[in-house]
């Protein structure tokens, strides 16, 4: 009966996904069918599990980080970050490309959202780079992949979800993502410079045309934007506020700066920004609730425990397990949205990782980095669709343009996976 229930569970989920049913609905309907057909539990357990899943204090960080991203996109914080980085490195060979990657790092560290980073930075930088002689495909591919740093560099919504699923410290996860995120950013910068030199993109004399006074002026104008990552991460690790409270601080800071100081956002436009943030947050929360319900069903069916016992019984080495996990998550990232993939796979893989002695924080970085690469790869790479919508290029063309960056990220993934000290240095 147990085996039959497990098979039915998998068949229903796969059938719904193949029929293009939204992932949250697919997980919810699969869980409902299992409870109805194979357990004596009352159906009232379904809404109760939904409510319990969302009754989590750390989850409050998600809507506030989403709101922060929207305020930065609509306000002047993002634009001033771009102007400051352009002033500093925009005149070097490949300088605008480097500027875009650096801006993505700063924006990602504030918003915690990859698609928001692509929209905010790409809408301003793509036209500027094309105007200065950069190839369109190179430009769009670079912004689609650099924007993905948003889910690795803290604060990260994906780390919040992983922490909730596994019960790990979110502040430790944030800290663990810093060095791998900066390493990935450095690799992107090297790629941008090398390609610019080979293809002769960008001008080398623009820096001389911009006086130091103007460059300092651009940096001063961005001081408030540059101070937000320092405020968020400094406040967390100084013990002033928790990661959840930091999201509220970030949203309030962005609102005050955008509405009162920069005045790039009017109070009349604030309701639309709040409504847009609420819609995005509701979508994420629905996925989290459905995923938690599905994890509950997997636990009832003892699927994670069965798989863990079989794997550990076969004496799989940690090296081989991590290799399999990377391949599995990379394939999952091709077809599944980041949060959904995490909610389905982490409850299965996490007990095995712990049983093999793999550090749970390090494992979290591996999971997030894999799913970050999934956002750059078709057919469901979200950043590819966002970049395609910004430029009018086909998703396939954007994916092809992003291949060099994806290759670089795969190298970073291998390094981070098998050198755990990179993730754990700051944590320890």
Protein backbone atom coordinates (compact mmCIF):
# COMPACT_ATOMS: atom_id res chain seq x y z
CA UNK A 1 0.00 0.00 0.00
CA UNK A 2 2.86 2.33 0.82
CA UNK A 3 4.61 1.65 -2.49
CA UNK A 4 1.32 2.07 -4.37
CA UNK A 5 0.65 5.40 -2.67
CA UNK A 6 4.15 6.64 -3.48
CA UNK A 7 3.78 5.72 -7.15
CA UNK A 8 0.39 7.41 -7.37
CA UNK A 9 1.84 10.50 -5.67
CA UNK A 10 4.65 10.80 -8.22
CA UNK A 11 2.40 10.03 -11.22
CA UNK A 12 -0.17 12.70 -10.28
CA UNK A 13 2.51 15.35 -9.72
CA UNK A 14 4.33 14.59 -13.00
CA UNK A 15 1.05 14.49 -14.96
CA UNK A 16 0.00 17.89 -13.59
CA UNK A 17 3.39 19.42 -14.33
CA UNK A 18 3.39 18.05 -17.91
CA UNK A 19 -0.08 19.58 -18.41
CA UNK A 20 1.41 23.02 -17.56
CA UNK A 21 -0.42 23.26 -14.25
CA UNK A 22 1.20 25.94 -12.05
CA UNK A 23 3.67 24.27 -9.70
CA UNK A 24 1.91 25.45 -6.54
CA UNK A 25 -1.45 24.14 -7.76
CA UNK A 26 0.18 20.86 -8.83
CA UNK A 27 1.73 20.30 -5.40
CA UNK A 28 -1.53 21.25 -3.66
CA UNK A 29 -3.74 18.96 -5.78
CA UNK A 30 -1.28 16.07 -5.46
CA UNK A 31 -1.27 16.44 -1.68
CA UNK A 32 -5.08 16.66 -1.61
CA UNK A 33 -5.40 13.48 -3.69
CA UNK A 34 -3.00 11.61 -1.42
CA UNK A 35 -4.77 12.64 1.78
CA UNK A 36 -8.17 11.74 0.28
CA UNK A 37 -7.17 8.36 -1.21
CA UNK A 38 -4.55 6.92 1.11
CA UNK A 39 -4.96 8.36 4.61
CA UNK A 40 -7.72 8.50 7.22
CA UNK A 41 -6.90 12.16 7.85
CA UNK A 42 -9.81 14.60 7.52
CA UNK A 43 -9.59 17.00 4.58
CA UNK A 44 -9.64 19.86 7.09
CA UNK A 45 -5.93 19.06 7.54
CA UNK A 46 -5.23 20.70 4.16
CA UNK A 47 -6.19 24.30 5.06
CA UNK A 48 -4.73 23.80 8.53
CA UNK A 49 -1.35 22.87 7.00
CA UNK A 50 -1.57 25.87 4.69
CA UNK A 51 -2.12 28.21 7.63
CA UNK A 52 0.59 26.53 9.71
CA UNK A 53 3.07 26.82 6.83
CA UNK A 54 2.54 30.57 6.59
CA UNK A 55 2.47 31.15 10.35
CA UNK A 56 6.22 31.65 10.45
CA UNK A 57 8.01 34.77 11.65
CA UNK A 58 10.96 34.44 9.19
CA UNK A 59 8.49 34.39 6.28
CA UNK A 60 7.62 38.01 7.06
CA UNK A 61 10.97 38.93 5.49
CA UNK A 62 9.78 37.97 2.00
CA UNK A 63 7.11 40.64 1.38
CA UNK A 64 9.38 43.36 2.79
CA UNK A 65 12.33 42.33 0.62
CA UNK A 66 9.97 42.29 -2.39
CA UNK A 67 8.76 45.78 -1.44
CA UNK A 68 12.38 46.96 -1.10
CA UNK A 69 13.16 45.69 -4.60
CA UNK A 70 10.13 47.49 -6.06
CA UNK A 71 10.97 50.74 -4.28
CA UNK A 72 14.54 50.57 -5.59
CA UNK A 73 13.35 49.81 -9.11
CA UNK A 74 10.81 52.61 -9.20
CA UNK A 75 12.86 55.08 -7.16
CA UNK A 76 16.27 56.57 -7.70
CA UNK A 77 18.36 54.15 -5.64
CA UNK A 78 19.06 51.78 -8.53
CA UNK A 79 19.80 54.57 -11.00
CA UNK A 80 22.26 56.25 -8.65
CA UNK A 81 24.07 52.96 -8.02
CA UNK A 82 24.53 52.56 -11.78
CA UNK A 83 25.78 56.14 -12.18
CA UNK A 84 28.28 55.71 -9.35
CA UNK A 85 29.76 52.46 -10.70
CA UNK A 86 29.90 53.93 -14.21
CA UNK A 87 31.80 56.92 -12.89
CA UNK A 88 34.38 54.70 -11.22
CA UNK A 89 35.03 52.02 -13.87
CA UNK A 90 32.95 52.95 -16.90
CA UNK A 91 35.85 54.37 -18.86
CA UNK A 92 38.11 51.30 -18.76
CA UNK A 93 38.16 48.71 -21.52
CA UNK A 94 35.03 46.72 -20.78
CA UNK A 95 34.25 49.24 -18.05
CA UNK A 96 30.51 49.45 -18.68
CA UNK A 97 30.26 45.65 -18.55
CA UNK A 98 32.19 45.62 -15.26
CA UNK A 99 29.96 48.43 -14.04
CA UNK A 100 26.87 46.37 -14.78
CA UNK A 101 28.16 43.36 -12.85
CA UNK A 102 29.17 45.52 -9.85
CA UNK A 103 25.79 47.25 -9.88
CA UNK A 104 24.04 43.87 -9.93
CA UNK A 105 26.05 42.86 -6.86
CA UNK A 106 25.01 45.99 -4.94
CA UNK A 107 21.40 45.83 -6.08
CA UNK A 108 21.19 42.13 -5.30
CA UNK A 109 22.58 42.66 -1.82
CA UNK A 110 19.75 45.10 -1.13
CA UNK A 111 16.73 43.54 -2.82
CA UNK A 112 17.52 39.82 -2.50
CA UNK A 113 15.66 39.30 -5.79
CA UNK A 114 17.19 38.12 -9.05
CA UNK A 115 14.41 39.17 -11.50
CA UNK A 116 14.18 42.59 -9.84
CA UNK A 117 17.94 43.02 -10.33
CA UNK A 118 17.70 42.16 -14.04
CA UNK A 119 14.83 44.62 -14.57
CA UNK A 120 16.34 47.50 -12.59
CA UNK A 121 19.90 47.24 -13.90
CA UNK A 122 19.11 45.94 -17.38
CA UNK A 123 16.57 48.64 -18.25
CA UNK A 124 19.24 51.31 -17.72
CA UNK A 125 22.47 49.55 -18.66
CA UNK A 126 21.50 47.60 -21.78
CA UNK A 127 20.74 50.73 -23.90
CA UNK A 128 23.86 52.48 -22.57
CA UNK A 129 26.16 49.56 -23.37
CA UNK A 130 24.76 49.10 -26.87
CA UNK A 131 25.24 52.84 -27.47
CA UNK A 132 28.91 52.51 -26.50
CA UNK A 133 29.56 49.71 -28.97
CA UNK A 134 28.97 46.57 -26.91
CA UNK A 135 27.34 43.68 -28.75
CA UNK A 136 23.65 43.29 -27.97
CA UNK A 137 23.85 39.54 -27.39
CA UNK A 138 26.84 39.86 -25.06
CA UNK A 139 25.15 42.67 -23.12
CA UNK A 140 21.83 40.90 -22.64
CA UNK A 141 23.47 37.58 -21.78
CA UNK A 142 25.67 39.24 -19.16
CA UNK A 143 22.84 41.09 -17.42
CA UNK A 144 20.64 37.96 -17.38
CA UNK A 145 23.37 36.00 -15.60
CA UNK A 146 24.76 38.76 -13.37
CA UNK A 147 21.24 39.46 -12.13
CA UNK A 148 21.12 35.89 -10.83
CA UNK A 149 23.62 36.88 -8.14
CA UNK A 150 20.54 38.26 -6.39
CA UNK A 151 19.61 34.90 -4.86
CA UNK A 152 23.11 34.14 -3.55
CA UNK A 153 24.36 37.44 -2.13
CA UNK A 154 22.59 38.28 1.15
CA UNK A 155 19.95 39.20 1.97
CA UNK A 156 18.43 36.42 -0.16
CA UNK A 157 14.79 35.33 -0.23
CA UNK A 158 15.94 31.86 -1.30
CA UNK A 159 18.15 31.52 1.79
CA UNK A 160 15.16 32.52 3.93
CA UNK A 161 13.09 29.70 2.39
CA UNK A 162 15.93 27.17 2.83
CA UNK A 163 16.35 28.22 6.46
CA UNK A 164 12.64 27.74 7.12
CA UNK A 165 12.60 24.29 5.48
CA UNK A 166 15.67 22.98 7.30
CA UNK A 167 15.56 24.95 10.55
CA UNK A 168 19.01 26.46 9.95
CA UNK A 169 20.10 29.93 11.06
CA UNK A 170 19.19 32.44 8.36
CA UNK A 171 21.89 34.88 9.48
CA UNK A 172 24.50 32.09 9.13
CA UNK A 173 23.17 31.29 5.66
CA UNK A 174 23.41 34.98 4.72
CA UNK A 175 27.01 35.05 5.94
CA UNK A 176 27.84 31.84 4.08
CA UNK A 177 26.65 33.34 0.79
CA UNK A 178 28.96 36.37 0.90
CA UNK A 179 32.26 34.85 -0.31
CA UNK A 180 30.71 32.52 -2.94
CA UNK A 181 28.64 35.46 -4.20
CA UNK A 182 31.65 37.74 -4.47
CA UNK A 183 33.66 34.93 -6.08
CA UNK A 184 30.93 34.49 -8.70
CA UNK A 185 30.85 38.26 -9.27
CA UNK A 186 34.64 38.35 -9.69
CA UNK A 187 34.44 35.54 -12.24
CA UNK A 188 31.76 37.48 -14.16
CA UNK A 189 33.97 40.59 -14.14
CA UNK A 190 36.94 38.63 -15.51
CA UNK A 191 34.73 37.19 -18.26
CA UNK A 192 33.39 40.67 -19.12
CA UNK A 193 36.89 42.17 -19.37
CA UNK A 194 38.32 39.29 -21.42
CA UNK A 195 35.43 39.33 -23.91
CA UNK A 196 35.62 43.14 -24.17
CA UNK A 197 39.34 43.00 -24.92
CA UNK A 198 38.96 40.24 -27.52
CA UNK A 199 36.02 41.89 -29.27
CA UNK A 200 37.27 45.44 -28.67
CA UNK A 201 34.11 46.52 -26.83
CA UNK A 202 34.00 49.85 -24.99
CA UNK A 203 36.24 52.90 -25.12
CA UNK A 204 39.44 53.43 -23.17
CA UNK A 205 39.41 57.21 -23.14
CA UNK A 206 36.03 57.88 -21.55
CA UNK A 207 37.57 57.94 -18.07
CA UNK A 208 39.79 60.87 -19.12
CA UNK A 209 36.72 62.72 -20.40
CA UNK A 210 35.02 62.57 -16.98
CA UNK A 211 36.77 64.83 -14.43
CA UNK A 212 37.36 63.51 -10.94
CA UNK A 213 34.97 66.11 -9.61
CA UNK A 214 32.10 64.61 -11.61
CA UNK A 215 33.02 61.10 -10.57
CA UNK A 216 33.10 62.06 -6.90
CA UNK A 217 29.77 63.82 -7.36
CA UNK A 218 28.22 60.64 -8.78
CA UNK A 219 29.58 58.58 -5.88
CA UNK A 220 28.32 61.11 -3.30
CA UNK A 221 24.87 61.01 -4.89
CA UNK A 222 24.81 57.24 -4.38
CA UNK A 223 26.00 57.24 -0.77
CA UNK A 224 22.51 56.56 0.61
CA UNK A 225 22.04 53.68 -1.82
CA UNK A 226 25.48 52.25 -1.05
CA UNK A 227 24.78 52.53 2.66
CA UNK A 228 21.77 50.22 2.58
CA UNK A 229 23.73 46.91 2.30
CA UNK A 230 25.99 48.09 5.12
CA UNK A 231 22.95 48.94 7.23
CA UNK A 232 21.24 45.59 6.60
CA UNK A 233 24.20 43.24 7.02
CA UNK A 234 25.86 45.34 9.72
CA UNK A 235 22.64 45.43 11.74
CA UNK A 236 22.19 41.65 11.47
CA UNK A 237 25.70 40.66 12.48
CA UNK A 238 25.97 43.35 15.17
CA UNK A 239 22.88 41.83 16.76
CA UNK A 240 20.81 45.01 16.42
CA UNK A 241 18.03 43.26 14.51
CA UNK A 242 17.22 39.82 13.11
CA UNK A 243 17.22 38.92 9.38
CA UNK A 244 13.43 39.24 9.39
CA UNK A 245 13.55 42.64 11.03
CA UNK A 246 16.28 43.70 8.58
CA UNK A 247 13.76 43.30 5.74
CA UNK A 248 11.46 45.81 7.44
CA UNK A 249 14.38 48.17 8.03
CA UNK A 250 15.38 47.88 4.35
CA UNK A 251 11.83 48.62 3.16
CA UNK A 252 11.45 51.62 5.49
CA UNK A 253 14.89 52.96 4.53
CA UNK A 254 14.13 52.63 0.80
CA UNK A 255 10.73 54.28 1.23
CA UNK A 256 12.11 57.25 3.20
CA UNK A 257 15.01 57.78 0.78
CA UNK A 258 12.84 57.44 -2.35
CA UNK A 259 9.84 59.43 -1.08
CA UNK A 260 11.38 62.10 1.13
CA UNK A 261 15.05 62.58 0.22
CA UNK A 262 15.35 61.76 -3.49
CA UNK A 263 11.64 62.29 -4.19
CA UNK A 264 11.77 60.03 -7.24
CA UNK A 265 8.54 58.38 -6.08
CA UNK A 266 5.39 60.36 -5.35
CA UNK A 267 3.00 59.40 -2.58
CA UNK A 268 0.32 58.93 -5.27
CA UNK A 269 2.33 56.12 -6.86
CA UNK A 270 2.90 54.35 -3.54
CA UNK A 271 -0.41 52.37 -3.57
CA UNK A 272 0.49 50.82 -6.95
CA UNK A 273 3.93 49.83 -5.66
CA UNK A 274 2.37 48.29 -2.56
CA UNK A 275 -0.20 46.41 -4.67
CA UNK A 276 2.48 45.06 -7.02
CA UNK A 277 4.58 43.94 -4.05
CA UNK A 278 1.54 42.27 -2.46
CA UNK A 279 0.80 40.31 -5.64
CA UNK A 280 4.38 39.06 -5.94
CA UNK A 281 4.51 38.19 -2.23
CA UNK A 282 1.19 36.34 -2.42
CA UNK A 283 2.50 34.24 -5.30
CA UNK A 284 5.64 33.31 -3.34
CA UNK A 285 3.65 32.57 -0.20
CA UNK A 286 1.24 30.32 -2.13
CA UNK A 287 4.19 28.33 -3.47
CA UNK A 288 5.70 28.06 0.02
CA UNK A 289 2.39 26.90 1.55
CA UNK A 290 1.77 24.31 -1.20
CA UNK A 291 5.37 23.13 -0.97
CA UNK A 292 5.15 22.73 2.80
CA UNK A 293 1.96 20.68 2.37
CA UNK A 294 3.71 18.50 -0.21
CA UNK A 295 6.68 18.04 2.13
CA UNK A 296 4.22 16.92 4.83
CA UNK A 297 2.82 14.32 2.44
CA UNK A 298 6.31 13.11 1.53
CA UNK A 299 7.06 12.71 5.23
CA UNK A 300 3.85 10.74 5.80
CA UNK A 301 4.82 8.46 2.92
CA UNK A 302 8.34 8.18 4.45
CA UNK A 303 9.87 8.94 1.05
CA UNK A 304 12.75 11.10 2.38
CA UNK A 305 13.60 8.52 5.05
CA UNK A 306 13.41 5.61 2.61
CA UNK A 307 15.66 7.32 0.08
CA UNK A 308 18.11 8.39 2.80
CA UNK A 309 18.33 4.85 4.20
CA UNK A 310 18.87 3.35 0.75
CA UNK A 311 21.56 5.88 -0.14
CA UNK A 312 23.37 5.60 3.20
CA UNK A 313 22.97 1.82 3.12
CA UNK A 314 24.74 1.80 -0.23
CA UNK A 315 27.68 3.59 1.41
CA UNK A 316 27.68 6.51 -1.02
CA UNK A 317 30.61 8.83 -0.37
CA UNK A 318 30.01 12.54 0.31
CA UNK A 319 31.93 13.38 -2.90
CA UNK A 320 29.70 11.18 -5.05
CA UNK A 321 26.56 12.41 -3.28
CA UNK A 322 27.41 16.07 -3.88
CA UNK A 323 28.14 15.27 -7.52
CA UNK A 324 24.72 13.61 -7.87
CA UNK A 325 23.04 16.51 -6.03
CA UNK A 326 24.58 19.04 -8.40
CA UNK A 327 23.42 17.12 -11.46
CA UNK A 328 19.94 16.63 -10.00
CA UNK A 329 19.50 20.28 -9.02
CA UNK A 330 20.85 21.54 -12.34
CA UNK A 331 18.30 19.41 -14.18
CA UNK A 332 15.55 20.50 -11.79
CA UNK A 333 16.49 24.13 -12.41
CA UNK A 334 15.83 23.62 -16.12
CA UNK A 335 12.16 22.90 -15.48
CA UNK A 336 11.19 24.26 -12.08
CA UNK A 337 11.00 27.64 -10.38
CA UNK A 338 13.61 28.12 -7.64
CA UNK A 339 11.36 28.07 -4.57
CA UNK A 340 9.33 25.14 -5.89
CA UNK A 341 12.41 23.06 -6.64
CA UNK A 342 13.75 23.75 -3.18
CA UNK A 343 10.49 22.86 -1.44
CA UNK A 344 10.25 19.54 -3.29
CA UNK A 345 13.88 18.40 -3.26
CA UNK A 346 15.45 19.79 -0.06
CA UNK A 347 13.27 17.68 2.32
CA UNK A 348 14.51 14.61 0.42
CA UNK A 349 18.17 15.54 0.04
CA UNK A 350 18.80 17.30 3.36
CA UNK A 351 18.56 14.20 5.64
CA UNK A 352 21.02 12.37 3.38
CA UNK A 353 23.47 15.27 3.47
CA UNK A 354 23.32 15.38 7.27
CA UNK A 355 23.77 11.61 7.45
CA UNK A 356 26.91 11.87 5.32
CA UNK A 357 28.35 14.57 7.59
CA UNK A 358 27.95 17.46 5.15
CA UNK A 359 27.62 20.83 6.86
CA UNK A 360 23.97 22.01 6.54
CA UNK A 361 25.01 25.63 5.91
CA UNK A 362 27.47 24.60 3.19
CA UNK A 363 24.78 22.37 1.68
CA UNK A 364 22.41 25.35 1.60
CA UNK A 365 24.93 27.39 -0.41
CA UNK A 366 25.30 24.49 -2.88
CA UNK A 367 21.53 24.24 -3.31
CA UNK A 368 21.09 27.98 -3.85
CA UNK A 369 24.02 28.21 -6.28
CA UNK A 370 22.61 25.35 -8.35
CA UNK A 371 19.18 26.93 -8.50
CA UNK A 372 20.81 30.27 -9.35
CA UNK A 373 22.29 28.64 -12.44
CA UNK A 374 18.83 27.26 -13.19
CA UNK A 375 17.57 30.83 -13.52
CA UNK A 376 19.99 31.29 -16.46
CA UNK A 377 19.08 28.12 -18.37
CA UNK A 378 16.08 27.24 -20.56
CA UNK A 379 13.33 26.22 -20.75
CA UNK A 380 12.24 27.80 -17.44
CA UNK A 381 15.10 30.20 -16.71
CA UNK A 382 13.18 33.12 -15.23
CA UNK A 383 15.95 35.64 -15.87
CA UNK A 384 16.00 34.68 -19.55
CA UNK A 385 12.32 35.58 -19.84
CA UNK A 386 12.84 38.87 -17.99
CA UNK A 387 15.79 39.82 -20.24
CA UNK A 388 13.81 38.75 -23.30
CA UNK A 389 10.91 40.99 -22.27
CA UNK A 390 13.27 43.94 -21.75
CA UNK A 391 14.94 43.65 -25.16
CA UNK A 392 12.49 41.93 -27.48
CA UNK A 393 15.04 39.16 -28.17
CA UNK A 394 13.80 35.57 -28.26
CA UNK A 395 14.37 33.50 -25.11
CA UNK A 396 16.47 31.03 -27.12
CA UNK A 397 18.74 33.84 -28.34
CA UNK A 398 19.14 35.18 -24.79
CA UNK A 399 19.95 31.65 -23.56
CA UNK A 400 22.60 31.25 -26.26
CA UNK A 401 24.11 34.63 -25.33
CA UNK A 402 24.25 33.57 -21.68
CA UNK A 403 26.18 30.33 -22.33
CA UNK A 404 29.68 31.76 -21.56
CA UNK A 405 28.46 33.13 -18.24
CA UNK A 406 26.75 29.83 -17.40
CA UNK A 407 30.03 28.05 -18.08
CA UNK A 408 31.83 30.36 -15.66
CA UNK A 409 29.15 29.76 -13.00
CA UNK A 410 29.52 25.98 -13.38
CA UNK A 411 33.23 26.33 -12.59
CA UNK A 412 32.36 28.41 -9.50
CA UNK A 413 29.80 25.76 -8.51
CA UNK A 414 32.45 23.02 -8.64
CA UNK A 415 34.86 25.09 -6.54
CA UNK A 416 32.25 26.01 -3.91
CA UNK A 417 30.93 22.42 -3.74
CA UNK A 418 34.22 20.70 -3.08
CA UNK A 419 35.96 23.45 -1.09
CA UNK A 420 33.50 23.97 1.80
CA UNK A 421 35.83 26.43 3.56
CA UNK A 422 34.80 29.06 0.98
CA UNK A 423 31.23 29.01 2.31
CA UNK A 424 32.07 28.43 5.97
CA UNK A 425 35.00 30.80 6.46
CA UNK A 426 32.93 33.78 7.66
CA UNK A 427 30.44 31.55 9.49
CA UNK A 428 33.19 29.91 11.51
